[in-house]
Protein backbone atom coordinates (compact mmCIF):
# COMPACT_ATOMS: atom_id res chain seq x y z
CA UNK A 1 20.88 -24.34 -2.26
CA UNK A 2 19.78 -22.91 1.09
CA UNK A 3 16.58 -24.12 2.67
CA UNK A 4 14.05 -21.48 3.60
CA UNK A 5 13.79 -20.88 7.30
CA UNK A 6 10.41 -20.77 8.94
CA UNK A 7 9.22 -19.28 12.18
CA UNK A 8 5.92 -18.89 13.97
CA UNK A 9 3.88 -15.75 13.49
CA UNK A 10 1.66 -13.76 15.79
CA UNK A 11 -1.88 -14.10 14.50
CA UNK A 12 -4.86 -12.08 15.70
CA UNK A 13 -6.03 -14.88 17.99
CA UNK A 14 -2.71 -14.85 19.86
CA UNK A 15 -2.54 -11.05 19.89
CA UNK A 16 -6.00 -10.92 21.51
CA UNK A 17 -5.01 -13.64 23.98
CA UNK A 18 -1.96 -11.65 25.12
CA UNK A 19 -4.00 -8.45 25.50
CA UNK A 20 -6.80 -10.26 27.32
CA UNK A 21 -4.34 -11.78 29.80
CA UNK A 22 -2.82 -8.36 30.49
CA UNK A 23 -6.23 -6.74 30.99
CA UNK A 24 -7.41 -9.64 33.16
CA UNK A 25 -4.40 -9.07 35.38
CA UNK A 26 -5.14 -5.32 35.58
CA UNK A 27 -8.85 -5.63 36.39
CA UNK A 28 -8.76 -6.93 39.97
CA UNK A 29 -5.98 -4.47 40.80
CA UNK A 30 -8.06 -1.54 39.58
CA UNK A 31 -5.45 -0.44 37.06
CA UNK A 32 -6.90 1.53 34.15
CA UNK A 33 -4.63 0.92 31.15
CA UNK A 34 -4.18 0.82 27.42
CA UNK A 35 -2.71 -2.31 25.81
CA UNK A 36 -1.13 -2.46 22.35
CA UNK A 37 0.07 -5.62 20.62
CA UNK A 38 2.30 -5.41 17.55
CA UNK A 39 3.78 -7.99 15.19
CA UNK A 40 7.51 -8.58 14.85
CA UNK A 41 7.76 -5.61 12.47
CA UNK A 42 6.16 -3.27 15.00
CA UNK A 43 2.84 -3.01 13.14
CA UNK A 44 -0.25 -2.70 15.33
CA UNK A 45 -2.31 -5.88 15.46
CA UNK A 46 -4.58 -5.28 18.44
CA UNK A 47 -5.39 -2.41 20.77
CA UNK A 48 -7.67 -2.16 23.77
CA UNK A 49 -8.01 0.31 26.60
CA UNK A 50 -9.98 0.73 29.79
CA UNK A 51 -12.81 3.24 29.61
CA UNK A 52 -11.14 5.98 31.65
CA UNK A 53 -7.70 5.91 30.03
CA UNK A 54 -6.44 8.98 28.18
CA UNK A 55 -5.63 8.77 24.50
CA UNK A 56 -2.06 9.70 25.39
CA UNK A 57 -1.67 6.43 27.28
CA UNK A 58 -2.75 4.62 24.12
CA UNK A 59 0.01 6.30 22.12
CA UNK A 60 2.57 5.45 24.84
CA UNK A 61 1.45 1.79 24.94
CA UNK A 62 1.96 1.55 21.18
CA UNK A 63 5.41 3.20 21.37
CA UNK A 64 6.47 0.75 24.09
CA UNK A 65 5.31 -2.23 22.03
CA UNK A 66 7.05 -0.93 18.89
CA UNK A 67 10.30 -0.48 20.82
CA UNK A 68 10.17 -3.97 22.34
CA UNK A 69 9.54 -5.47 18.89
CA UNK A 70 12.28 -3.41 17.22
CA UNK A 71 14.98 -4.47 19.67
CA UNK A 72 13.48 -7.80 20.84
CA UNK A 73 13.95 -6.76 24.45
CA UNK A 74 11.89 -5.07 27.10
CA UNK A 75 11.82 -1.31 27.28
CA UNK A 76 13.07 -1.59 30.86
CA UNK A 77 16.57 -1.94 29.34
CA UNK A 78 16.35 1.52 27.79
CA UNK A 79 14.78 2.98 30.93
CA UNK A 80 17.68 1.67 33.02
CA UNK A 81 20.31 2.88 30.56
CA UNK A 82 18.84 6.37 30.47
CA UNK A 83 18.52 6.38 34.27
CA UNK A 84 22.19 5.43 34.44
CA UNK A 85 23.11 8.49 32.40
CA UNK A 86 23.41 6.84 28.98
CA UNK A 87 21.91 9.70 26.97
CA UNK A 88 22.68 7.94 23.67
CA UNK A 89 19.48 5.95 24.22
CA UNK A 90 17.57 9.05 23.17
CA UNK A 91 19.20 8.85 19.73
CA UNK A 92 18.38 5.20 19.08
CA UNK A 93 15.55 4.90 16.53
CA UNK A 94 12.39 3.45 18.07
CA UNK A 95 13.98 3.00 21.51
CA UNK A 96 11.34 4.08 24.03
CA UNK A 97 13.03 4.57 27.42
CA UNK A 98 10.08 3.92 29.72
CA UNK A 99 9.45 0.42 31.02
CA UNK A 100 6.19 -1.25 30.04
CA UNK A 101 6.99 -2.95 26.72
CA UNK A 102 7.86 -6.65 26.45
CA UNK A 103 8.68 -8.86 23.46
CA UNK A 104 6.36 -11.79 22.75
CA UNK A 105 8.17 -15.07 22.25
CA UNK A 106 6.78 -18.22 20.68
CA UNK A 107 8.84 -21.38 20.13
CA UNK A 108 12.04 -19.41 20.74
CA UNK A 109 11.23 -16.66 18.23
CA UNK A 110 10.20 -13.06 18.81
CA UNK A 111 6.80 -12.84 17.10
CA UNK A 112 5.89 -9.35 18.28
CA UNK A 113 5.54 -7.32 21.44
CA UNK A 114 3.03 -5.97 23.92
CA UNK A 115 3.01 -2.52 25.49
CA UNK A 116 0.95 -1.12 28.35
CA UNK A 117 0.44 2.37 29.73
CA UNK A 118 -1.77 3.98 32.31
CA UNK A 119 -0.49 2.47 35.55
CA UNK A 120 2.96 3.00 37.06
CA UNK A 121 5.70 1.93 34.64
CA UNK A 122 6.62 -1.10 36.78
CA UNK A 123 2.95 -2.13 36.83
CA UNK A 124 2.76 -1.70 33.05
CA UNK A 125 5.62 -4.19 32.73
CA UNK A 126 3.82 -6.58 35.09
CA UNK A 127 0.79 -6.50 32.80
CA UNK A 128 2.89 -7.09 29.69
CA UNK A 129 4.59 -10.04 31.34
CA UNK A 130 1.15 -11.52 32.07
CA UNK A 131 0.34 -11.12 28.38
CA UNK A 132 3.62 -12.74 27.36
CA UNK A 133 2.95 -15.69 29.72
CA UNK A 134 -0.32 -16.30 27.87
CA UNK A 135 1.74 -17.11 24.76
CA UNK A 136 4.01 -19.44 26.72
CA UNK A 137 0.85 -21.28 27.81
CA UNK A 138 -0.14 -21.48 24.13
CA UNK A 139 3.31 -22.82 23.24
CA UNK A 140 3.06 -25.58 25.84
CA UNK A 141 -0.45 -26.44 24.65
CA UNK A 142 0.67 -26.61 20.99
CA UNK A 143 3.55 -28.99 21.77
């Protein structure tokens, strides 16, 4: 008989913490962005945007988060592959080839992802990494 495996989950408290960390990083820099946090199945858990951000940036933030959750890797990978001429990326389901989506890891498991849009793509990634670090802080605190 096989034992059931367990893993941590991304709850709303952690989703909000990741988004808050990303937005806190953006604020002093003056970056107006949308932030989307999804669970490990790519389902939206939390969304927030700056007042002056277009609705299109919100849709892009969600697509970046969904992609990072689907493949458990940052969307920078797909951006680089497409930039290197690997057109097959465009045919991969849910692969969004613009950097700014990062998986969220907790206790060694991918529990979801965070996506940002509205700043430059590299800056979007920077914000997502700030959000992901907020979960690492949680992990250390829970230990």
